[in-house]
Amino acid sequence: MYYESFGAGRPIFFLPSWGGDAGEGRDVHEPVFAQRPGWRRIYVDPPGTGRSPAVPSITDQDGMLSAIVELIDDLAGDEPFALAGTSAGGLHARGIVKRDPARVLGLLLRAPGIVIDRSRRTLPTDEYLMPSASRERQHQYYDAAETQANLAFLGAIQRDVSTYSLREDPSIRFERPTLLVTGRQDTTAGYADAWSILDDYPRATFAVLDQEDHFLPGPGSAVYRALVADWLARIEQSVEHPDA
């Protein structure tokens, strides 16, 4: 499985949206680390995306999750790590936390897909014109990633809710620093459904960013990066002062 790694220190794994690749997460988050040493940032191409080939034996999200966990185990070993998941990557991140919460230092969910069945999602209904910054990001990253992805492989998993969901509900009480960031104008995953899992994360910051859709951060890049920096600081404080 392809990944990109930068820096040294505590591992933090970035898991992209469905069909997305390492490049978008890298370009969004690397500026946050410019003045923050001590982290090894690992941006992942899951099977069938970016430079990672499809794996025919993977037929559902649990298979996808197991492949990601295997990569994390190979790279992190027994070392604790942080997780950042975007959209469907948020589902993978929550699934990893459910499997082994003690190893996870902190959790970031960006525009997470909480309700897998699209027909049951709570979505904003106000008319919204996507900002040019968001349109440019969609074209630069998501449209470009789609041309590299194995759409037949991914589509076979995505088209059925039973295979696009995890077999086990990923909900679990997680008492380490967490950040949930949603877009007020996100008509793909919405923002309201993410509120429903907030009680699972007693150390969570929850943000709904105006003028942001599912491709966030667009206009709100500075706010988003400030939130991520705060989340990282909270993890660092928790590691250095675990009893505080």
C-alpha atoms as a PDB file:
ATOM      1  CA  MET A   1       0.000   0.000   0.000  1.00  0.00           C
ATOM      2  CA  TYR A   2       1.384   3.406  -0.972  1.00  0.00           C
ATOM      3  CA  TYR A   3       1.955   6.105   1.630  1.00  0.00           C
ATOM      4  CA  GLU A   4       3.963   9.294   2.043  1.00  0.00           C
ATOM      5  CA  SER A   5       5.862   9.988   5.245  1.00  0.00           C
ATOM      6  CA  PHE A   6       7.341  13.230   6.548  1.00  0.00           C
ATOM      7  CA  GLY A   7       9.189  14.148   9.712  1.00  0.00           C
ATOM      8  CA  ALA A   8      10.023  12.074  12.777  1.00  0.00           C
ATOM      9  CA  GLY A   9       8.388  11.478  16.129  1.00  0.00           C
ATOM     10  CA  ARG A  10       4.936  10.283  17.173  1.00  0.00           C
ATOM     11  CA  PRO A  11       3.130   8.702  14.208  1.00  0.00           C
ATOM     12  CA  ILE A  12      -0.026  10.334  12.909  1.00  0.00           C
ATOM     13  CA  PHE A  13      -1.930   8.622  10.092  1.00  0.00           C
ATOM     14  CA  PHE A  14      -4.094  10.566   7.647  1.00  0.00           C
ATOM     15  CA  LEU A  15      -6.858   8.526   5.988  1.00  0.00           C
ATOM     16  CA  PRO A  16      -8.508  10.091   2.921  1.00  0.00           C
ATOM     17  CA  SER A  17     -12.065  10.241   1.656  1.00  0.00           C
ATOM     18  CA  TRP A  18     -13.501   7.403  -0.424  1.00  0.00           C
ATOM     19  CA  GLY A  19     -11.492   7.346  -3.643  1.00  0.00           C
ATOM     20  CA  GLY A  20      -9.201  10.107  -2.374  1.00  0.00           C
ATOM     21  CA  ASP A  21      -5.444   9.854  -2.080  1.00  0.00           C
ATOM     22  CA  ALA A  22      -2.553  11.046   0.062  1.00  0.00           C
ATOM     23  CA  GLY A  23      -1.991  14.340  -1.754  1.00  0.00           C
ATOM     24  CA  GLU A  24      -5.016  16.283  -0.533  1.00  0.00           C
ATOM     25  CA  GLY A  25      -4.453  15.517   3.142  1.00  0.00           C
ATOM     26  CA  ARG A  26      -0.757  16.263   2.782  1.00  0.00           C
ATOM     27  CA  ASP A  27      -1.297  19.699   1.262  1.00  0.00           C
ATOM     28  CA  VAL A  28      -3.971  20.643   3.805  1.00  0.00           C
ATOM     29  CA  HIS A  29      -2.084  19.533   6.896  1.00  0.00           C
ATOM     30  CA  GLU A  30       1.628  19.923   6.253  1.00  0.00           C
ATOM     31  CA  PRO A  31       1.520  23.706   6.868  1.00  0.00           C
ATOM     32  CA  VAL A  32       0.320  22.966  10.413  1.00  0.00           C
ATOM     33  CA  PHE A  33       3.524  21.047  11.090  1.00  0.00           C
ATOM     34  CA  ALA A  34       5.912  23.639   9.671  1.00  0.00           C
ATOM     35  CA  GLN A  35       6.625  24.943  13.178  1.00  0.00           C
ATOM     36  CA  ARG A  36       5.627  21.814  15.094  1.00  0.00           C
ATOM     37  CA  PRO A  37       8.354  19.134  15.295  1.00  0.00           C
ATOM     38  CA  GLY A  38       7.946  15.776  16.956  1.00  0.00           C
ATOM     39  CA  TRP A  39       5.417  14.198  14.585  1.00  0.00           C
ATOM     40  CA  ARG A  40       5.852  11.635  11.829  1.00  0.00           C
ATOM     41  CA  ARG A  41       3.058  12.371   9.347  1.00  0.00           C
ATOM     42  CA  ILE A  42       1.900   9.429   7.245  1.00  0.00           C
ATOM     43  CA  TYR A  43      -0.558  10.035   4.397  1.00  0.00           C
ATOM     44  CA  VAL A  44      -2.168   6.848   3.103  1.00  0.00           C
ATOM     45  CA  ASP A  45      -3.523   5.689  -0.247  1.00  0.00           C
ATOM     46  CA  PRO A  46      -5.971   2.904   0.718  1.00  0.00           C
ATOM     47  CA  PRO A  47      -6.349  -0.052  -1.659  1.00  0.00           C
ATOM     48  CA  GLY A  48      -7.737   0.947  -5.037  1.00  0.00           C
ATOM     49  CA  THR A  49      -6.874   4.639  -4.644  1.00  0.00           C
ATOM     50  CA  GLY A  50      -3.961   6.760  -5.762  1.00  0.00           C
ATOM     51  CA  ARG A  51      -0.888   4.586  -6.201  1.00  0.00           C
ATOM     52  CA  SER A  52      -2.225   1.620  -4.240  1.00  0.00           C
ATOM     53  CA  PRO A  53      -3.598  -1.215  -6.378  1.00  0.00           C
ATOM     54  CA  ALA A  54      -6.975  -2.764  -5.731  1.00  0.00           C
ATOM     55  CA  VAL A  55      -7.016  -5.968  -3.713  1.00  0.00           C
ATOM     56  CA  PRO A  56      -9.622  -8.350  -5.185  1.00  0.00           C
ATOM     57  CA  SER A  57     -10.056 -10.189  -1.874  1.00  0.00           C
ATOM     58  CA  ILE A  58     -11.340  -6.962  -0.267  1.00  0.00           C
ATOM     59  CA  THR A  59     -15.091  -6.861  -0.807  1.00  0.00           C
ATOM     60  CA  ASP A  60     -16.314  -4.629   2.038  1.00  0.00           C
ATOM     61  CA  GLN A  61     -15.292  -1.923   4.490  1.00  0.00           C
ATOM     62  CA  ASP A  62     -14.068  -4.444   7.031  1.00  0.00           C
ATOM     63  CA  GLY A  63     -11.581  -5.748   4.492  1.00  0.00           C
ATOM     64  CA  MET A  64     -10.509  -2.196   3.712  1.00  0.00           C
ATOM     65  CA  LEU A  65     -10.135  -1.457   7.414  1.00  0.00           C
ATOM     66  CA  SER A  66      -8.029  -4.577   7.996  1.00  0.00           C
ATOM     67  CA  ALA A  67      -5.660  -3.556   5.194  1.00  0.00           C
ATOM     68  CA  ILE A  68      -5.218  -0.096   6.723  1.00  0.00           C
ATOM     69  CA  VAL A  69      -4.660  -1.567  10.191  1.00  0.00           C
ATOM     70  CA  GLU A  70      -1.995  -3.884   8.776  1.00  0.00           C
ATOM     71  CA  LEU A  71      -0.158  -0.889   7.325  1.00  0.00           C
ATOM     72  CA  ILE A  72      -0.400   0.991  10.624  1.00  0.00           C
ATOM     73  CA  ASP A  73       0.956  -2.020  12.512  1.00  0.00           C
ATOM     74  CA  ASP A  74       3.854  -2.316  10.070  1.00  0.00           C
ATOM     75  CA  LEU A  75       4.792   1.361  10.359  1.00  0.00           C
ATOM     76  CA  ALA A  76       3.998   2.123  13.998  1.00  0.00           C
ATOM     77  CA  GLY A  77       4.759  -1.223  15.582  1.00  0.00           C
ATOM     78  CA  ASP A  78       3.784  -1.057  19.236  1.00  0.00           C
ATOM     79  CA  GLU A  79       4.039   2.738  19.327  1.00  0.00           C
ATOM     80  CA  PRO A  80       0.888   4.768  20.054  1.00  0.00           C
ATOM     81  CA  PHE A  81      -0.347   6.924  17.188  1.00  0.00           C
ATOM     82  CA  ALA A  82      -2.888   9.605  16.286  1.00  0.00           C
ATOM     83  CA  LEU A  83      -5.532   9.276  13.577  1.00  0.00           C
ATOM     84  CA  ALA A  84      -7.059  11.796  11.179  1.00  0.00           C
ATOM     85  CA  GLY A  85      -9.845  10.663   8.864  1.00  0.00           C
ATOM     86  CA  THR A  86     -11.653  12.595   6.148  1.00  0.00           C
ATOM     87  CA  SER A  87     -15.192  11.625   5.088  1.00  0.00           C
ATOM     88  CA  ALA A  88     -15.093   7.804   4.662  1.00  0.00           C
ATOM     89  CA  GLY A  89     -11.623   7.949   6.197  1.00  0.00           C
ATOM     90  CA  GLY A  90     -13.415   9.074   9.341  1.00  0.00           C
ATOM     91  CA  LEU A  91     -15.299   5.774   9.366  1.00  0.00           C
ATOM     92  CA  HIS A  92     -12.005   3.910   9.034  1.00  0.00           C
ATOM     93  CA  ALA A  93     -10.485   5.986  11.845  1.00  0.00           C
ATOM     94  CA  ARG A  94     -13.435   5.304  14.144  1.00  0.00           C
ATOM     95  CA  GLY A  95     -13.186   1.601  13.289  1.00  0.00           C
ATOM     96  CA  ILE A  96      -9.519   1.572  14.284  1.00  0.00           C
ATOM     97  CA  VAL A  97     -10.326   3.311  17.574  1.00  0.00           C
ATOM     98  CA  LYS A  98     -13.037   0.720  18.231  1.00  0.00           C
ATOM     99  CA  ARG A  99     -10.552  -2.117  17.675  1.00  0.00           C
ATOM    100  CA  ASP A 100      -7.780  -0.777  19.896  1.00  0.00           C
ATOM    101  CA  PRO A 101      -8.577   2.522  21.656  1.00  0.00           C
ATOM    102  CA  ALA A 102      -5.620   2.308  24.044  1.00  0.00           C
ATOM    103  CA  ARG A 103      -3.121   2.759  21.179  1.00  0.00           C
ATOM    104  CA  VAL A 104      -4.737   5.909  19.755  1.00  0.00           C
ATOM    105  CA  LEU A 105      -3.416   9.219  21.109  1.00  0.00           C
ATOM    106  CA  GLY A 106      -6.087  11.382  19.507  1.00  0.00           C
ATOM    107  CA  LEU A 107      -8.730  11.423  16.790  1.00  0.00           C
ATOM    108  CA  LEU A 108      -9.542  13.979  14.083  1.00  0.00           C
ATOM    109  CA  LEU A 109     -12.708  13.588  12.006  1.00  0.00           C
ATOM    110  CA  ARG A 110     -13.025  15.983   9.047  1.00  0.00           C
ATOM    111  CA  ALA A 111     -16.390  16.109   7.248  1.00  0.00           C
ATOM    112  CA  PRO A 112     -17.044  12.587   8.542  1.00  0.00           C
ATOM    113  CA  GLY A 113     -19.656  10.299   7.096  1.00  0.00           C
ATOM    114  CA  ILE A 114     -21.593   9.174  10.178  1.00  0.00           C
ATOM    115  CA  VAL A 115     -24.770   7.779   8.595  1.00  0.00           C
ATOM    116  CA  ILE A 116     -23.727   5.386   5.856  1.00  0.00           C
ATOM    117  CA  ASP A 117     -27.120   5.135   4.150  1.00  0.00           C
ATOM    118  CA  ARG A 118     -27.241   8.346   2.114  1.00  0.00           C
ATOM    119  CA  SER A 119     -31.049   8.344   2.099  1.00  0.00           C
ATOM    120  CA  ARG A 120     -31.069   8.658   5.907  1.00  0.00           C
ATOM    121  CA  ARG A 121     -28.588  11.513   6.295  1.00  0.00           C
ATOM    122  CA  THR A 122     -29.624  14.859   7.738  1.00  0.00           C
ATOM    123  CA  LEU A 123     -28.463  17.370   5.145  1.00  0.00           C
ATOM    124  CA  PRO A 124     -28.758  21.162   4.880  1.00  0.00           C
ATOM    125  CA  THR A 125     -31.522  22.263   2.527  1.00  0.00           C
ATOM    126  CA  ASP A 126     -30.621  25.918   1.996  1.00  0.00           C
ATOM    127  CA  GLU A 127     -29.453  26.847  -1.474  1.00  0.00           C
ATOM    128  CA  TYR A 128     -25.709  27.301  -1.550  1.00  0.00           C
ATOM    129  CA  LEU A 129     -23.260  28.435  -4.189  1.00  0.00           C
ATOM    130  CA  MET A 130     -19.962  26.615  -3.775  1.00  0.00           C
ATOM    131  CA  PRO A 131     -17.098  29.124  -3.331  1.00  0.00           C
ATOM    132  CA  SER A 132     -14.528  29.204  -6.090  1.00  0.00           C
ATOM    133  CA  ALA A 133     -11.892  27.988  -3.617  1.00  0.00           C
ATOM    134  CA  SER A 134     -13.920  24.828  -2.994  1.00  0.00           C
ATOM    135  CA  ARG A 135     -14.506  24.262  -6.712  1.00  0.00           C
ATOM    136  CA  GLU A 136     -10.787  24.593  -7.360  1.00  0.00           C
ATOM    137  CA  ARG A 137      -9.978  22.116  -4.567  1.00  0.00           C
ATOM    138  CA  GLN A 138     -12.539  19.654  -5.862  1.00  0.00           C
ATOM    139  CA  HIS A 139     -11.001  19.771  -9.330  1.00  0.00           C
ATOM    140  CA  GLN A 140      -7.391  19.747  -8.136  1.00  0.00           C
ATOM    141  CA  TYR A 141      -7.691  16.901  -5.654  1.00  0.00           C
ATOM    142  CA  TYR A 142     -10.917  14.939  -5.800  1.00  0.00           C
ATOM    143  CA  ASP A 143     -11.515  14.932  -9.547  1.00  0.00           C
ATOM    144  CA  ALA A 144      -7.839  14.188 -10.149  1.00  0.00           C
ATOM    145  CA  ALA A 145      -7.845  11.363  -7.583  1.00  0.00           C
ATOM    146  CA  GLU A 146     -10.882   9.821  -9.249  1.00  0.00           C
ATOM    147  CA  THR A 147      -8.967   9.429 -12.503  1.00  0.00           C
ATOM    148  CA  GLN A 148      -6.370   7.288 -10.677  1.00  0.00           C
ATOM    149  CA  ALA A 149      -8.770   5.270  -8.516  1.00  0.00           C
ATOM    150  CA  ASN A 150     -10.039   1.824  -9.411  1.00  0.00           C
ATOM    151  CA  LEU A 151     -13.680   2.859  -9.634  1.00  0.00           C
ATOM    152  CA  ALA A 152     -14.974  -0.636 -10.351  1.00  0.00           C
ATOM    153  CA  PHE A 153     -13.327  -1.988  -7.204  1.00  0.00           C
ATOM    154  CA  LEU A 154     -14.473   0.923  -5.022  1.00  0.00           C
ATOM    155  CA  GLY A 155     -17.937   1.056  -6.557  1.00  0.00           C
ATOM    156  CA  ALA A 156     -18.602  -2.606  -5.830  1.00  0.00           C
ATOM    157  CA  ILE A 157     -18.130  -1.854  -2.131  1.00  0.00           C
ATOM    158  CA  GLN A 158     -19.899   1.508  -2.104  1.00  0.00           C
ATOM    159  CA  ARG A 159     -23.080   0.631  -3.977  1.00  0.00           C
ATOM    160  CA  ASP A 160     -24.448  -1.581  -1.174  1.00  0.00           C
ATOM    161  CA  VAL A 161     -24.957  -0.159   2.316  1.00  0.00           C
ATOM    162  CA  SER A 162     -24.192  -3.578   3.818  1.00  0.00           C
ATOM    163  CA  THR A 163     -20.690  -3.637   2.322  1.00  0.00           C
ATOM    164  CA  TYR A 164     -20.039   0.108   2.607  1.00  0.00           C
ATOM    165  CA  SER A 165     -20.744  -0.060   6.364  1.00  0.00           C
ATOM    166  CA  LEU A 166     -18.589  -1.725   8.981  1.00  0.00           C
ATOM    167  CA  ARG A 167     -20.121  -4.895  10.333  1.00  0.00           C
ATOM    168  CA  GLU A 168     -19.649  -3.625  13.901  1.00  0.00           C
ATOM    169  CA  ASP A 169     -20.893  -0.197  14.983  1.00  0.00           C
ATOM    170  CA  PRO A 170     -17.723   1.916  15.421  1.00  0.00           C
ATOM    171  CA  SER A 171     -19.189   3.857  18.339  1.00  0.00           C
ATOM    172  CA  ILE A 172     -17.097   3.676  21.493  1.00  0.00           C
ATOM    173  CA  ARG A 173     -16.349   6.046  24.377  1.00  0.00           C
ATOM    174  CA  PHE A 174     -12.938   7.556  23.604  1.00  0.00           C
ATOM    175  CA  GLU A 175     -11.491   9.812  26.285  1.00  0.00           C
ATOM    176  CA  ARG A 176      -8.544  11.321  24.444  1.00  0.00           C
ATOM    177  CA  PRO A 177      -8.275  14.603  22.512  1.00  0.00           C
ATOM    178  CA  THR A 178     -10.686  14.634  19.596  1.00  0.00           C
ATOM    179  CA  LEU A 179     -11.627  17.148  16.925  1.00  0.00           C
ATOM    180  CA  LEU A 180     -14.741  16.991  14.741  1.00  0.00           C
ATOM    181  CA  VAL A 181     -14.908  19.552  11.936  1.00  0.00           C
ATOM    182  CA  THR A 182     -17.940  19.774   9.654  1.00  0.00           C
ATOM    183  CA  GLY A 183     -19.162  22.115   6.932  1.00  0.00           C
ATOM    184  CA  ARG A 184     -22.345  24.124   7.444  1.00  0.00           C
ATOM    185  CA  GLN A 185     -23.112  23.759   3.720  1.00  0.00           C
ATOM    186  CA  ASP A 186     -22.005  20.120   3.378  1.00  0.00           C
ATOM    187  CA  THR A 187     -24.732  18.485   1.294  1.00  0.00           C
ATOM    188  CA  THR A 188     -22.874  15.155   1.084  1.00  0.00           C
ATOM    189  CA  ALA A 189     -22.367  14.139   4.718  1.00  0.00           C
ATOM    190  CA  GLY A 190     -23.984  17.098   6.481  1.00  0.00           C
ATOM    191  CA  TYR A 191     -23.053  18.388   9.900  1.00  0.00           C
ATOM    192  CA  ALA A 192     -26.015  17.449  12.110  1.00  0.00           C
ATOM    193  CA  ASP A 193     -25.360  13.696  12.141  1.00  0.00           C
ATOM    194  CA  ALA A 194     -21.868  14.246  13.539  1.00  0.00           C
ATOM    195  CA  TRP A 195     -23.408  15.908  16.600  1.00  0.00           C
ATOM    196  CA  SER A 196     -25.079  12.593  17.433  1.00  0.00           C
ATOM    197  CA  ILE A 197     -21.732  10.945  18.261  1.00  0.00           C
ATOM    198  CA  LEU A 198     -20.349  13.815  20.357  1.00  0.00           C
ATOM    199  CA  ASP A 199     -21.091  12.124  23.683  1.00  0.00           C
ATOM    200  CA  ASP A 200     -18.724   9.315  22.651  1.00  0.00           C
ATOM    201  CA  TYR A 201     -15.881  11.826  22.820  1.00  0.00           C
ATOM    202  CA  PRO A 202     -15.840  13.701  26.164  1.00  0.00           C
ATOM    203  CA  ARG A 203     -12.630  15.518  25.133  1.00  0.00           C
ATOM    204  CA  ALA A 204     -13.895  16.653  21.751  1.00  0.00           C
ATOM    205  CA  THR A 205     -13.975  20.050  20.119  1.00  0.00           C
ATOM    206  CA  PHE A 206     -16.871  20.246  17.633  1.00  0.00           C
ATOM    207  CA  ALA A 207     -16.818  22.877  14.883  1.00  0.00           C
ATOM    208  CA  VAL A 208     -19.282  23.724  12.118  1.00  0.00           C
ATOM    209  CA  LEU A 209     -17.586  26.026   9.605  1.00  0.00           C
ATOM    210  CA  ASP A 210     -19.656  28.475   7.582  1.00  0.00           C
ATOM    211  CA  GLN A 211     -19.010  28.697   3.825  1.00  0.00           C
ATOM    212  CA  GLU A 212     -17.623  25.170   3.887  1.00  0.00           C
ATOM    213  CA  ASP A 213     -18.986  22.115   2.124  1.00  0.00           C
ATOM    214  CA  HIS A 214     -17.772  18.510   1.958  1.00  0.00           C
ATOM    215  CA  PHE A 215     -14.484  19.615   0.409  1.00  0.00           C
ATOM    216  CA  LEU A 216     -13.438  21.659   3.424  1.00  0.00           C
ATOM    217  CA  PRO A 217     -11.297  23.559   4.131  1.00  0.00           C
ATOM    218  CA  GLY A 218     -11.836  26.092   1.380  1.00  0.00           C
ATOM    219  CA  PRO A 219     -12.347  29.684   2.546  1.00  0.00           C
ATOM    220  CA  GLY A 220     -11.898  28.559   6.157  1.00  0.00           C
ATOM    221  CA  SER A 221      -8.408  27.091   5.786  1.00  0.00           C
ATOM    222  CA  ALA A 222      -6.898  29.337   8.469  1.00  0.00           C
ATOM    223  CA  VAL A 223      -9.629  28.451  10.973  1.00  0.00           C
ATOM    224  CA  TYR A 224      -9.334  24.750  10.186  1.00  0.00           C
ATOM    225  CA  ARG A 225      -5.571  24.732  10.626  1.00  0.00           C
ATOM    226  CA  ALA A 226      -5.882  26.608  13.914  1.00  0.00           C
ATOM    227  CA  LEU A 227      -8.282  23.931  15.140  1.00  0.00           C
ATOM    228  CA  VAL A 228      -5.885  21.176  14.081  1.00  0.00           C
ATOM    229  CA  ALA A 229      -2.995  22.943  15.813  1.00  0.00           C
ATOM    230  CA  ASP A 230      -5.054  23.148  19.007  1.00  0.00           C
ATOM    231  CA  TRP A 231      -5.905  19.448  18.741  1.00  0.00           C
ATOM    232  CA  LEU A 232      -2.236  18.519  18.345  1.00  0.00           C
ATOM    233  CA  ALA A 233      -1.330  20.701  21.338  1.00  0.00           C
ATOM    234  CA  ARG A 234      -3.934  18.914  23.432  1.00  0.00           C
ATOM    235  CA  ILE A 235      -2.474  15.530  22.435  1.00  0.00           C
ATOM    236  CA  GLU A 236       1.037  16.688  23.269  1.00  0.00           C
ATOM    237  CA  GLN A 237      -0.115  17.933  26.655  1.00  0.00           C
ATOM    238  CA  SER A 238      -1.908  14.630  27.338  1.00  0.00           C
ATOM    239  CA  VAL A 239       1.200  12.632  26.490  1.00  0.00           C
ATOM    240  CA  GLU A 240       3.542  14.821  28.515  1.00  0.00           C
ATOM    241  CA  HIS A 241       1.176  15.195  31.478  1.00  0.00           C
ATOM    242  CA  PRO A 242      -1.072  12.116  31.443  1.00  0.00           C
ATOM    243  CA  ASP A 243      -2.465  12.763  34.924  1.00  0.00           C
ATOM    244  CA  ALA A 244      -3.293  16.435  34.338  1.00  0.00           C
END
